[in-house]
PDB file of N, CA and C in Angstrom:
ATOM      1  N   MET A   1      -5.562   8.742  27.125  1.00  0.00           N
ATOM      2  CA  MET A   1      -5.415  10.168  27.003  1.00  0.00           C
ATOM      3  C   MET A   1      -4.611  10.462  25.735  1.00  0.00           C
ATOM      4  N   LEU A   2      -5.077  11.410  24.967  1.00  0.00           N
ATOM      5  CA  LEU A   2      -4.409  11.804  23.731  1.00  0.00           C
ATOM      6  C   LEU A   2      -3.325  12.831  24.045  1.00  0.00           C
ATOM      7  N   ILE A   3      -2.109  12.581  23.571  1.00  0.00           N
ATOM      8  CA  ILE A   3      -1.009  13.518  23.771  1.00  0.00           C
ATOM      9  C   ILE A   3      -0.348  13.810  22.421  1.00  0.00           C
ATOM     10  N   ARG A   4       0.249  14.987  22.305  1.00  0.00           N
ATOM     11  CA  ARG A   4       0.949  15.354  21.075  1.00  0.00           C
ATOM     12  C   ARG A   4       2.256  14.576  20.960  1.00  0.00           C
ATOM     13  N   TYR A   5       2.599  14.231  19.737  1.00  0.00           N
ATOM     14  CA  TYR A   5       3.848  13.540  19.454  1.00  0.00           C
ATOM     15  C   TYR A   5       5.028  14.455  19.771  1.00  0.00           C
ATOM     16  N   LYS A   6       6.059  13.881  20.360  1.00  0.00           N
ATOM     17  CA  LYS A   6       7.340  14.563  20.572  1.00  0.00           C
ATOM     18  C   LYS A   6       8.430  13.655  20.033  1.00  0.00           C
ATOM     19  N   LYS A   7       9.521  14.249  19.639  1.00  0.00           N
ATOM     20  CA  LYS A   7      10.634  13.514  19.026  1.00  0.00           C
ATOM     21  C   LYS A   7      11.127  12.352  19.900  1.00  0.00           C
ATOM     22  N   ASN A   8      11.067  12.491  21.231  1.00  0.00           N
ATOM     23  CA  ASN A   8      11.555  11.404  22.078  1.00  0.00           C
ATOM     24  C   ASN A   8      10.624  10.185  22.060  1.00  0.00           C
ATOM     25  N   TYR A   9       9.455  10.296  21.417  1.00  0.00           N
ATOM     26  CA  TYR A   9       8.550   9.159  21.238  1.00  0.00           C
ATOM     27  C   TYR A   9       8.691   8.530  19.849  1.00  0.00           C
ATOM     28  N   GLU A  10       9.730   8.908  19.116  1.00  0.00           N
ATOM     29  CA  GLU A  10       9.853   8.503  17.717  1.00  0.00           C
ATOM     30  C   GLU A  10       9.823   6.983  17.512  1.00  0.00           C
ATOM     31  N   LYS A  11      10.560   6.228  18.295  1.00  0.00           N
ATOM     32  CA  LYS A  11      10.618   4.776  18.090  1.00  0.00           C
ATOM     33  C   LYS A  11       9.266   4.117  18.318  1.00  0.00           C
ATOM     34  N   ILE A  12       8.577   4.499  19.380  1.00  0.00           N
ATOM     35  CA  ILE A  12       7.269   3.895  19.633  1.00  0.00           C
ATOM     36  C   ILE A  12       6.266   4.344  18.582  1.00  0.00           C
ATOM     37  N   ALA A  13       6.363   5.596  18.143  1.00  0.00           N
ATOM     38  CA  ALA A  13       5.463   6.095  17.098  1.00  0.00           C
ATOM     39  C   ALA A  13       5.686   5.316  15.801  1.00  0.00           C
ATOM     40  N   MET A  14       6.933   5.090  15.448  1.00  0.00           N
ATOM     41  CA  MET A  14       7.232   4.329  14.229  1.00  0.00           C
ATOM     42  C   MET A  14       6.725   2.891  14.356  1.00  0.00           C
ATOM     43  N   GLY A  15       6.870   2.304  15.539  1.00  0.00           N
ATOM     44  CA  GLY A  15       6.368   0.955  15.759  1.00  0.00           C
ATOM     45  C   GLY A  15       4.861   0.870  15.567  1.00  0.00           C
ATOM     46  N   LEU A  16       4.137   1.828  16.122  1.00  0.00           N
ATOM     47  CA  LEU A  16       2.677   1.832  15.986  1.00  0.00           C
ATOM     48  C   LEU A  16       2.255   2.130  14.550  1.00  0.00           C
ATOM     49  N   LEU A  17       2.937   3.065  13.899  1.00  0.00           N
ATOM     50  CA  LEU A  17       2.610   3.377  12.502  1.00  0.00           C
ATOM     51  C   LEU A  17       2.887   2.191  11.581  1.00  0.00           C
ATOM     52  N   SER A  18       3.848   1.367  11.943  1.00  0.00           N
ATOM     53  CA  SER A  18       4.216   0.241  11.070  1.00  0.00           C
ATOM     54  C   SER A  18       3.079  -0.782  10.937  1.00  0.00           C
ATOM     55  N   PHE A  19       2.059  -0.707  11.789  1.00  0.00           N
ATOM     56  CA  PHE A  19       0.902  -1.592  11.653  1.00  0.00           C
ATOM     57  C   PHE A  19      -0.027  -1.148  10.523  1.00  0.00           C
ATOM     58  N   MET A  20       0.143   0.083  10.032  1.00  0.00           N
ATOM     59  CA  MET A  20      -0.664   0.580   8.913  1.00  0.00           C
ATOM     60  C   MET A  20      -0.169  -0.058   7.619  1.00  0.00           C
ATOM     61  N   PRO A  21      -1.087  -0.456   6.728  1.00  0.00           N
ATOM     62  CA  PRO A  21      -0.681  -1.118   5.478  1.00  0.00           C
ATOM     63  C   PRO A  21       0.267  -0.277   4.618  1.00  0.00           C
ATOM     64  N   THR A  22       0.123   1.045   4.671  1.00  0.00           N
ATOM     65  CA  THR A  22       0.957   1.916   3.841  1.00  0.00           C
ATOM     66  C   THR A  22       2.341   2.152   4.424  1.00  0.00           C
ATOM     67  N   GLU A  23       2.579   1.686   5.645  1.00  0.00           N
ATOM     68  CA  GLU A  23       3.829   2.006   6.336  1.00  0.00           C
ATOM     69  C   GLU A  23       4.684   0.776   6.618  1.00  0.00           C
ATOM     70  N   LYS A  24       4.530  -0.264   5.844  1.00  0.00           N
ATOM     71  CA  LYS A  24       5.309  -1.501   6.054  1.00  0.00           C
ATOM     72  C   LYS A  24       6.778  -1.333   5.662  1.00  0.00           C
ATOM     73  N   ASP A  25       7.027  -0.528   4.643  1.00  0.00           N
ATOM     74  CA  ASP A  25       8.388  -0.291   4.155  1.00  0.00           C
ATOM     75  C   ASP A  25       9.080   0.753   5.033  1.00  0.00           C
ATOM     76  N   LEU A  26      10.294   0.471   5.483  1.00  0.00           N
ATOM     77  CA  LEU A  26      11.010   1.358   6.389  1.00  0.00           C
ATOM     78  C   LEU A  26      11.203   2.751   5.796  1.00  0.00           C
ATOM     79  N   LYS A  27      11.547   2.840   4.515  1.00  0.00           N
ATOM     80  CA  LYS A  27      11.766   4.151   3.903  1.00  0.00           C
ATOM     81  C   LYS A  27      10.473   4.962   3.850  1.00  0.00           C
ATOM     82  N   ALA A  28       9.365   4.304   3.549  1.00  0.00           N
ATOM     83  CA  ALA A  28       8.066   4.987   3.537  1.00  0.00           C
ATOM     84  C   ALA A  28       7.717   5.466   4.948  1.00  0.00           C
ATOM     85  N   LEU A  29       7.971   4.627   5.922  1.00  0.00           N
ATOM     86  CA  LEU A  29       7.699   4.969   7.318  1.00  0.00           C
ATOM     87  C   LEU A  29       8.546   6.166   7.765  1.00  0.00           C
ATOM     88  N   GLN A  30       9.810   6.165   7.401  1.00  0.00           N
ATOM     89  CA  GLN A  30      10.688   7.285   7.754  1.00  0.00           C
ATOM     90  C   GLN A  30      10.228   8.575   7.078  1.00  0.00           C
ATOM     91  N   GLN A  31       9.770   8.471   5.843  1.00  0.00           N
ATOM     92  CA  GLN A  31       9.270   9.651   5.129  1.00  0.00           C
ATOM     93  C   GLN A  31       8.002  10.180   5.793  1.00  0.00           C
ATOM     94  N   THR A  32       7.133   9.279   6.222  1.00  0.00           N
ATOM     95  CA  THR A  32       5.909   9.685   6.917  1.00  0.00           C
ATOM     96  C   THR A  32       6.252  10.416   8.217  1.00  0.00           C
ATOM     97  N   MET A  33       7.184   9.877   8.982  1.00  0.00           N
ATOM     98  CA  MET A  33       7.591  10.526  10.234  1.00  0.00           C
ATOM     99  C   MET A  33       8.165  11.917   9.951  1.00  0.00           C
ATOM    100  N   LYS A  34       8.956  12.024   8.917  1.00  0.00           N
ATOM    101  CA  LYS A  34       9.545  13.312   8.545  1.00  0.00           C
ATOM    102  C   LYS A  34       8.443  14.315   8.196  1.00  0.00           C
ATOM    103  N   GLU A  35       7.439  13.846   7.479  1.00  0.00           N
ATOM    104  CA  GLU A  35       6.321  14.723   7.102  1.00  0.00           C
ATOM    105  C   GLU A  35       5.583  15.223   8.349  1.00  0.00           C
ATOM    106  N   TYR A  36       5.317  14.327   9.300  1.00  0.00           N
ATOM    107  CA  TYR A  36       4.650  14.741  10.538  1.00  0.00           C
ATOM    108  C   TYR A  36       5.492  15.738  11.329  1.00  0.00           C
ATOM    109  N   GLU A  37       6.791  15.604  11.280  1.00  0.00           N
ATOM    110  CA  GLU A  37       7.675  16.495  12.031  1.00  0.00           C
ATOM    111  C   GLU A  37       7.853  17.847  11.354  1.00  0.00           C
ATOM    112  N   GLN A  38       7.736  17.900  10.021  1.00  0.00           N
ATOM    113  CA  GLN A  38       8.051  19.137   9.309  1.00  0.00           C
ATOM    114  C   GLN A  38       6.841  19.887   8.752  1.00  0.00           C
ATOM    115  N   ASN A  39       5.757  19.194   8.489  1.00  0.00           N
ATOM    116  CA  ASN A  39       4.591  19.817   7.878  1.00  0.00           C
ATOM    117  C   ASN A  39       3.645  20.322   8.976  1.00  0.00           C
ATOM    118  N   ASP A  40       3.408  21.618   9.005  1.00  0.00           N
ATOM    119  CA  ASP A  40       2.548  22.213  10.034  1.00  0.00           C
ATOM    120  C   ASP A  40       1.098  21.749   9.936  1.00  0.00           C
ATOM    121  N   ARG A  41       0.699  21.250   8.791  1.00  0.00           N
ATOM    122  CA  ARG A  41      -0.690  20.822   8.607  1.00  0.00           C
ATOM    123  C   ARG A  41      -0.894  19.336   8.964  1.00  0.00           C
ATOM    124  N   TRP A  42       0.177  18.640   9.225  1.00  0.00           N
ATOM    125  CA  TRP A  42       0.108  17.233   9.656  1.00  0.00           C
ATOM    126  C   TRP A  42       0.385  17.195  11.145  1.00  0.00           C
ATOM    127  N   LYS A  43      -0.472  16.503  11.892  1.00  0.00           N
ATOM    128  CA  LYS A  43      -0.310  16.434  13.341  1.00  0.00           C
ATOM    129  C   LYS A  43      -0.413  14.975  13.796  1.00  0.00           C
ATOM    130  N   LEU A  44       0.491  14.601  14.661  1.00  0.00           N
ATOM    131  CA  LEU A  44       0.557  13.220  15.145  1.00  0.00           C
ATOM    132  C   LEU A  44       0.272  13.214  16.645  1.00  0.00           C
ATOM    133  N   PHE A  45      -0.594  12.292  17.048  1.00  0.00           N
ATOM    134  CA  PHE A  45      -0.983  12.160  18.449  1.00  0.00           C
ATOM    135  C   PHE A  45      -0.769  10.717  18.902  1.00  0.00           C
ATOM    136  N   LEU A  46      -0.466  10.562  20.165  1.00  0.00           N
ATOM    137  CA  LEU A  46      -0.293   9.245  20.760  1.00  0.00           C
ATOM    138  C   LEU A  46      -1.367   9.042  21.819  1.00  0.00           C
ATOM    139  N   TRP A  47      -1.774   7.802  22.009  1.00  0.00           N
ATOM    140  CA  TRP A  47      -2.759   7.463  23.036  1.00  0.00           C
ATOM    141  C   TRP A  47      -2.023   6.793  24.183  1.00  0.00           C
ATOM    142  N   LYS A  48      -2.137   7.408  25.346  1.00  0.00           N
ATOM    143  CA  LYS A  48      -1.410   6.924  26.519  1.00  0.00           C
ATOM    144  C   LYS A  48      -2.407   6.480  27.581  1.00  0.00           C
ATOM    145  N   GLU A  49      -2.187   5.286  28.100  1.00  0.00           N
ATOM    146  CA  GLU A  49      -2.962   4.769  29.229  1.00  0.00           C
ATOM    147  C   GLU A  49      -1.971   4.364  30.299  1.00  0.00           C
ATOM    148  N   GLU A  50      -2.142   4.944  31.492  1.00  0.00           N
ATOM    149  CA  GLU A  50      -1.191   4.773  32.584  1.00  0.00           C
ATOM    150  C   GLU A  50       0.181   5.209  32.072  1.00  0.00           C
ATOM    151  N   ASP A  51       1.155   4.330  32.035  1.00  0.00           N
ATOM    152  CA  ASP A  51       2.485   4.729  31.562  1.00  0.00           C
ATOM    153  C   ASP A  51       2.808   4.183  30.181  1.00  0.00           C
ATOM    154  N   ASP A  52       1.834   3.569  29.535  1.00  0.00           N
ATOM    155  CA  ASP A  52       2.076   2.938  28.236  1.00  0.00           C
ATOM    156  C   ASP A  52       1.444   3.732  27.096  1.00  0.00           C
ATOM    157  N   ILE A  53       2.189   3.856  26.007  1.00  0.00           N
ATOM    158  CA  ILE A  53       1.644   4.443  24.780  1.00  0.00           C
ATOM    159  C   ILE A  53       1.183   3.264  23.939  1.00  0.00           C
ATOM    160  N   ILE A  54      -0.117   3.222  23.660  1.00  0.00           N
ATOM    161  CA  ILE A  54      -0.684   2.040  23.005  1.00  0.00           C
ATOM    162  C   ILE A  54      -1.385   2.343  21.688  1.00  0.00           C
ATOM    163  N   GLY A  55      -1.449   3.605  21.308  1.00  0.00           N
ATOM    164  CA  GLY A  55      -2.123   3.942  20.059  1.00  0.00           C
ATOM    165  C   GLY A  55      -1.541   5.187  19.443  1.00  0.00           C
ATOM    166  N   ILE A  56      -1.867   5.374  18.164  1.00  0.00           N
ATOM    167  CA  ILE A  56      -1.377   6.538  17.434  1.00  0.00           C
ATOM    168  C   ILE A  56      -2.438   6.985  16.444  1.00  0.00           C
ATOM    169  N   ALA A  57      -2.538   8.289  16.265  1.00  0.00           N
ATOM    170  CA  ALA A  57      -3.469   8.864  15.293  1.00  0.00           C
ATOM    171  C   ALA A  57      -2.775  10.036  14.617  1.00  0.00           C
ATOM    172  N   GLY A  58      -2.843  10.044  13.308  1.00  0.00           N
ATOM    173  CA  GLY A  58      -2.249  11.130  12.546  1.00  0.00           C
ATOM    174  C   GLY A  58      -3.302  11.801  11.694  1.00  0.00           C
ATOM    175  N   ILE A  59      -3.330  13.139  11.740  1.00  0.00           N
ATOM    176  CA  ILE A  59      -4.306  13.878  10.942  1.00  0.00           C
ATOM    177  C   ILE A  59      -3.600  14.865  10.023  1.00  0.00           C
ATOM    178  N   ALA A  60      -4.319  15.242   8.990  1.00  0.00           N
ATOM    179  CA  ALA A  60      -3.879  16.311   8.104  1.00  0.00           C
ATOM    180  C   ALA A  60      -4.983  17.357   8.088  1.00  0.00           C
ATOM    181  N   ILE A  61      -4.607  18.602   8.316  1.00  0.00           N
ATOM    182  CA  ILE A  61      -5.572  19.690   8.242  1.00  0.00           C
ATOM    183  C   ILE A  61      -5.759  20.002   6.760  1.00  0.00           C
ATOM    184  N   VAL A  62      -6.956  19.721   6.249  1.00  0.00           N
ATOM    185  CA  VAL A  62      -7.251  19.916   4.835  1.00  0.00           C
ATOM    186  C   VAL A  62      -7.661  21.353   4.570  1.00  0.00           C
ATOM    187  N   SER A  63      -8.467  21.908   5.469  1.00  0.00           N
ATOM    188  CA  SER A  63      -8.941  23.283   5.346  1.00  0.00           C
ATOM    189  C   SER A  63      -9.322  23.772   6.743  1.00  0.00           C
ATOM    190  N   ASP A  64      -9.865  24.980   6.835  1.00  0.00           N
ATOM    191  CA  ASP A  64     -10.299  25.496   8.135  1.00  0.00           C
ATOM    192  C   ASP A  64     -11.479  24.713   8.695  1.00  0.00           C
ATOM    193  N   GLU A  65     -12.162  23.971   7.836  1.00  0.00           N
ATOM    194  CA  GLU A  65     -13.356  23.236   8.254  1.00  0.00           C
ATOM    195  C   GLU A  65     -13.173  21.727   8.290  1.00  0.00           C
ATOM    196  N   GLU A  66     -12.070  21.219   7.771  1.00  0.00           N
ATOM    197  CA  GLU A  66     -11.945  19.771   7.614  1.00  0.00           C
ATOM    198  C   GLU A  66     -10.551  19.254   7.945  1.00  0.00           C
ATOM    199  N   MET A  67     -10.538  18.118   8.637  1.00  0.00           N
ATOM    200  CA  MET A  67      -9.284  17.395   8.863  1.00  0.00           C
ATOM    201  C   MET A  67      -9.499  15.945   8.463  1.00  0.00           C
ATOM    202  N   GLU A  68      -8.420  15.321   8.017  1.00  0.00           N
ATOM    203  CA  GLU A  68      -8.491  13.938   7.557  1.00  0.00           C
ATOM    204  C   GLU A  68      -7.608  13.068   8.438  1.00  0.00           C
ATOM    205  N   ILE A  69      -8.173  11.956   8.898  1.00  0.00           N
ATOM    206  CA  ILE A  69      -7.350  10.997   9.639  1.00  0.00           C
ATOM    207  C   ILE A  69      -6.554  10.206   8.610  1.00  0.00           C
ATOM    208  N   GLN A  70      -5.251  10.315   8.710  1.00  0.00           N
ATOM    209  CA  GLN A  70      -4.355   9.630   7.789  1.00  0.00           C
ATOM    210  C   GLN A  70      -3.901   8.287   8.350  1.00  0.00           C
ATOM    211  N   HIS A  71      -3.699   8.254   9.655  1.00  0.00           N
ATOM    212  CA  HIS A  71      -3.209   7.049  10.318  1.00  0.00           C
ATOM    213  C   HIS A  71      -3.976   6.852  11.621  1.00  0.00           C
ATOM    214  N   LEU A  72      -4.311   5.603  11.899  1.00  0.00           N
ATOM    215  CA  LEU A  72      -4.962   5.236  13.154  1.00  0.00           C
ATOM    216  C   LEU A  72      -4.541   3.807  13.452  1.00  0.00           C
ATOM    217  N   SER A  73      -3.859   3.625  14.561  1.00  0.00           N
ATOM    218  CA  SER A  73      -3.336   2.303  14.877  1.00  0.00           C
ATOM    219  C   SER A  73      -3.299   2.103  16.387  1.00  0.00           C
ATOM    220  N   VAL A  74      -3.596   0.875  16.801  1.00  0.00           N
ATOM    221  CA  VAL A  74      -3.560   0.502  18.211  1.00  0.00           C
ATOM    222  C   VAL A  74      -2.673  -0.736  18.327  1.00  0.00           C
ATOM    223  N   ASN A  75      -1.886  -0.786  19.367  1.00  0.00           N
ATOM    224  CA  ASN A  75      -1.056  -1.950  19.646  1.00  0.00           C
ATOM    225  C   ASN A  75      -1.950  -3.194  19.615  1.00  0.00           C
ATOM    226  N   PRO A  76      -1.550  -4.238  18.887  1.00  0.00           N
ATOM    227  CA  PRO A  76      -2.413  -5.425  18.759  1.00  0.00           C
ATOM    228  C   PRO A  76      -2.879  -6.029  20.082  1.00  0.00           C
ATOM    229  N   SER A  77      -2.082  -5.947  21.120  1.00  0.00           N
ATOM    230  CA  SER A  77      -2.498  -6.523  22.403  1.00  0.00           C
ATOM    231  C   SER A  77      -3.551  -5.682  23.120  1.00  0.00           C
ATOM    232  N   HIS A  78      -3.863  -4.499  22.572  1.00  0.00           N
ATOM    233  CA  HIS A  78      -4.876  -3.627  23.183  1.00  0.00           C
ATOM    234  C   HIS A  78      -6.072  -3.396  22.253  1.00  0.00           C
ATOM    235  N   ARG A  79      -6.157  -4.152  21.193  1.00  0.00           N
ATOM    236  CA  ARG A  79      -7.258  -3.970  20.241  1.00  0.00           C
ATOM    237  C   ARG A  79      -8.548  -4.567  20.786  1.00  0.00           C
ATOM    238  N   GLN A  80      -9.657  -4.205  20.163  1.00  0.00           N
ATOM    239  CA  GLN A  80     -10.997  -4.677  20.540  1.00  0.00           C
ATOM    240  C   GLN A  80     -11.411  -4.170  21.921  1.00  0.00           C
ATOM    241  N   GLN A  81     -10.865  -3.026  22.327  1.00  0.00           N
ATOM    242  CA  GLN A  81     -11.211  -2.444  23.622  1.00  0.00           C
ATOM    243  C   GLN A  81     -11.793  -1.041  23.480  1.00  0.00           C
ATOM    244  N   GLY A  82     -12.047  -0.609  22.249  1.00  0.00           N
ATOM    245  CA  GLY A  82     -12.638   0.713  22.024  1.00  0.00           C
ATOM    246  C   GLY A  82     -11.641   1.859  22.009  1.00  0.00           C
ATOM    247  N   ILE A  83     -10.355   1.552  21.965  1.00  0.00           N
ATOM    248  CA  ILE A  83      -9.334   2.607  22.006  1.00  0.00           C
ATOM    249  C   ILE A  83      -9.354   3.448  20.730  1.00  0.00           C
ATOM    250  N   GLY A  84      -9.535   2.800  19.582  1.00  0.00           N
ATOM    251  CA  GLY A  84      -9.622   3.549  18.319  1.00  0.00           C
ATOM    252  C   GLY A  84     -10.761   4.556  18.352  1.00  0.00           C
ATOM    253  N   LYS A  85     -11.917   4.132  18.836  1.00  0.00           N
ATOM    254  CA  LYS A  85     -13.065   5.048  18.963  1.00  0.00           C
ATOM    255  C   LYS A  85     -12.759   6.186  19.926  1.00  0.00           C
ATOM    256  N   GLN A  86     -12.096   5.857  21.025  1.00  0.00           N
ATOM    257  CA  GLN A  86     -11.745   6.898  22.001  1.00  0.00           C
ATOM    258  C   GLN A  86     -10.794   7.927  21.383  1.00  0.00           C
ATOM    259  N   MET A  87      -9.851   7.451  20.564  1.00  0.00           N
ATOM    260  CA  MET A  87      -8.924   8.379  19.914  1.00  0.00           C
ATOM    261  C   MET A  87      -9.670   9.301  18.962  1.00  0.00           C
ATOM    262  N   ILE A  88     -10.612   8.751  18.214  1.00  0.00           N
ATOM    263  CA  ILE A  88     -11.386   9.562  17.277  1.00  0.00           C
ATOM    264  C   ILE A  88     -12.213  10.606  18.030  1.00  0.00           C
ATOM    265  N   LYS A  89     -12.865  10.200  19.103  1.00  0.00           N
ATOM    266  CA  LYS A  89     -13.642  11.155  19.912  1.00  0.00           C
ATOM    267  C   LYS A  89     -12.748  12.252  20.482  1.00  0.00           C
ATOM    268  N   ALA A  90     -11.553  11.882  20.937  1.00  0.00           N
ATOM    269  CA  ALA A  90     -10.619  12.868  21.488  1.00  0.00           C
ATOM    270  C   ALA A  90     -10.171  13.851  20.402  1.00  0.00           C
ATOM    271  N   LEU A  91      -9.921  13.360  19.188  1.00  0.00           N
ATOM    272  CA  LEU A  91      -9.556  14.243  18.077  1.00  0.00           C
ATOM    273  C   LEU A  91     -10.699  15.201  17.753  1.00  0.00           C
ATOM    274  N   GLN A  92     -11.925  14.682  17.761  1.00  0.00           N
ATOM    275  CA  GLN A  92     -13.076  15.528  17.496  1.00  0.00           C
ATOM    276  C   GLN A  92     -13.225  16.605  18.568  1.00  0.00           C
ATOM    277  N   SER A  93     -12.966  16.261  19.814  1.00  0.00           N
ATOM    278  CA  SER A  93     -13.098  17.261  20.874  1.00  0.00           C
ATOM    279  C   SER A  93     -11.969  18.299  20.830  1.00  0.00           C
ATOM    280  N   LEU A  94     -10.810  17.920  20.295  1.00  0.00           N
ATOM    281  CA  LEU A  94      -9.717  18.882  20.126  1.00  0.00           C
ATOM    282  C   LEU A  94     -10.033  19.919  19.052  1.00  0.00           C
ATOM    283  N   HIS A  95     -10.789  19.497  18.048  1.00  0.00           N
ATOM    284  CA  HIS A  95     -11.130  20.358  16.914  1.00  0.00           C
ATOM    285  C   HIS A  95     -12.648  20.307  16.689  1.00  0.00           C
ATOM    286  N   PRO A  96     -13.439  20.835  17.636  1.00  0.00           N
ATOM    287  CA  PRO A  96     -14.896  20.673  17.560  1.00  0.00           C
ATOM    288  C   PRO A  96     -15.552  21.363  16.363  1.00  0.00           C
ATOM    289  N   ASN A  97     -14.908  22.352  15.791  1.00  0.00           N
ATOM    290  CA  ASN A  97     -15.500  23.081  14.662  1.00  0.00           C
ATOM    291  C   ASN A  97     -15.078  22.532  13.306  1.00  0.00           C
ATOM    292  N   MET A  98     -14.393  21.397  13.325  1.00  0.00           N
ATOM    293  CA  MET A  98     -13.918  20.817  12.072  1.00  0.00           C
ATOM    294  C   MET A  98     -14.584  19.464  11.828  1.00  0.00           C
ATOM    295  N   THR A  99     -14.805  19.167  10.563  1.00  0.00           N
ATOM    296  CA  THR A  99     -15.306  17.857  10.170  1.00  0.00           C
ATOM    297  C   THR A  99     -14.128  16.899  10.118  1.00  0.00           C
ATOM    298  N   LEU A 100     -14.303  15.747  10.706  1.00  0.00           N
ATOM    299  CA  LEU A 100     -13.254  14.730  10.737  1.00  0.00           C
ATOM    300  C   LEU A 100     -13.613  13.636   9.748  1.00  0.00           C
ATOM    301  N   LYS A 101     -12.748  13.443   8.755  1.00  0.00           N
ATOM    302  CA  LYS A 101     -12.996  12.420   7.739  1.00  0.00           C
ATOM    303  C   LYS A 101     -11.815  11.458   7.686  1.00  0.00           C
ATOM    304  N   PRO A 102     -12.088  10.194   7.402  1.00  0.00           N
ATOM    305  CA  PRO A 102     -10.994   9.231   7.272  1.00  0.00           C
ATOM    306  C   PRO A 102     -10.445   9.201   5.849  1.00  0.00           C
ATOM    307  N   ASN A 103      -9.198   8.811   5.702  1.00  0.00           N
ATOM    308  CA  ASN A 103      -8.700   8.542   4.357  1.00  0.00           C
ATOM    309  C   ASN A 103      -9.139   7.128   3.970  1.00  0.00           C
ATOM    310  N   ALA A 104      -8.732   6.671   2.808  1.00  0.00           N
ATOM    311  CA  ALA A 104      -9.185   5.365   2.300  1.00  0.00           C
ATOM    312  C   ALA A 104      -8.762   4.205   3.196  1.00  0.00           C
ATOM    313  N   TYR A 105      -7.625   4.318   3.876  1.00  0.00           N
ATOM    314  CA  TYR A 105      -7.131   3.221   4.714  1.00  0.00           C
ATOM    315  C   TYR A 105      -7.813   3.170   6.078  1.00  0.00           C
ATOM    316  N   VAL A 106      -8.310   4.298   6.547  1.00  0.00           N
ATOM    317  CA  VAL A 106      -8.950   4.366   7.860  1.00  0.00           C
ATOM    318  C   VAL A 106     -10.472   4.232   7.738  1.00  0.00           C
ATOM    319  N   ALA A 107     -11.018   4.500   6.547  1.00  0.00           N
ATOM    320  CA  ALA A 107     -12.470   4.454   6.345  1.00  0.00           C
ATOM    321  C   ALA A 107     -13.110   3.118   6.745  1.00  0.00           C
ATOM    322  N   PRO A 108     -12.507   1.956   6.444  1.00  0.00           N
ATOM    323  CA  PRO A 108     -13.137   0.694   6.867  1.00  0.00           C
ATOM    324  C   PRO A 108     -13.331   0.599   8.390  1.00  0.00           C
ATOM    325  N   PHE A 109     -12.413   1.178   9.149  1.00  0.00           N
ATOM    326  CA  PHE A 109     -12.564   1.193  10.603  1.00  0.00           C
ATOM    327  C   PHE A 109     -13.772   2.042  10.993  1.00  0.00           C
ATOM    328  N   PHE A 110     -13.926   3.199  10.343  1.00  0.00           N
ATOM    329  CA  PHE A 110     -15.071   4.074  10.611  1.00  0.00           C
ATOM    330  C   PHE A 110     -16.369   3.331  10.317  1.00  0.00           C
ATOM    331  N   VAL A 111     -16.409   2.612   9.211  1.00  0.00           N
ATOM    332  CA  VAL A 111     -17.614   1.846   8.830  1.00  0.00           C
ATOM    333  C   VAL A 111     -17.881   0.760   9.876  1.00  0.00           C
ATOM    334  N   LYS A 112     -16.864   0.008  10.209  1.00  0.00           N
ATOM    335  CA  LYS A 112     -16.996  -1.080  11.186  1.00  0.00           C
ATOM    336  C   LYS A 112     -17.557  -0.593  12.526  1.00  0.00           C
ATOM    337  N   CYS A 113     -17.135   0.601  12.927  1.00  0.00           N
ATOM    338  CA  CYS A 113     -17.557   1.151  14.224  1.00  0.00           C
ATOM    339  C   CYS A 113     -18.787   2.045  14.114  1.00  0.00           C
ATOM    340  N   ASN A 114     -19.407   2.092  12.944  1.00  0.00           N
ATOM    341  CA  ASN A 114     -20.577   2.935  12.713  1.00  0.00           C
ATOM    342  C   ASN A 114     -20.306   4.410  12.941  1.00  0.00           C
ATOM    343  N   ILE A 115     -19.073   4.818  12.717  1.00  0.00           N
ATOM    344  CA  ILE A 115     -18.713   6.233  12.809  1.00  0.00           C
ATOM    345  C   ILE A 115     -19.063   6.891  11.478  1.00  0.00           C
ATOM    346  N   LEU A 116     -18.930   6.118  10.420  1.00  0.00           N
ATOM    347  CA  LEU A 116     -19.212   6.591   9.068  1.00  0.00           C
ATOM    348  C   LEU A 116     -20.020   5.505   8.385  1.00  0.00           C
ATOM    349  N   LYS A 117     -21.075   5.901   7.754  1.00  0.00           N
ATOM    350  CA  LYS A 117     -21.915   4.915   7.058  1.00  0.00           C
ATOM    351  C   LYS A 117     -21.182   4.465   5.786  1.00  0.00           C
ATOM    352  N   ASP A 118     -21.321   3.188   5.472  1.00  0.00           N
ATOM    353  CA  ASP A 118     -20.702   2.626   4.249  1.00  0.00           C
ATOM    354  C   ASP A 118     -21.357   3.262   3.039  1.00  0.00           C
ATOM    355  N   GLU A 119     -20.532   3.788   2.142  1.00  0.00           N
ATOM    356  CA  GLU A 119     -21.073   4.496   0.970  1.00  0.00           C
ATOM    357  C   GLU A 119     -21.085   3.595  -0.253  1.00  0.00           C
TER     358      GLU A 119
END
């Protein structure tokens, strides 16, 4: 189930984001978290199954018609189970009138899952 990020989930959110190649450095990770907390056009979601938060997805609203997935990460022990695809579908259903596009770091996942054709 996709849930909105809240400040009390900060440590787990940072842990999940740290799996992204762009978020390995602590200062970069802290800046990213600050951006999600302060920028109204950036939205962070967590994926919860039972009582565990096992995934994270961050989007940026680019325009009234388009949003970009900036971050998509699943706990390594829960990978290869379709959770990333489920998160993308849930994001699409939250914003059905918007086009969902990946950034350069998330695009290979879209290609791998046939969500986006390799260009």
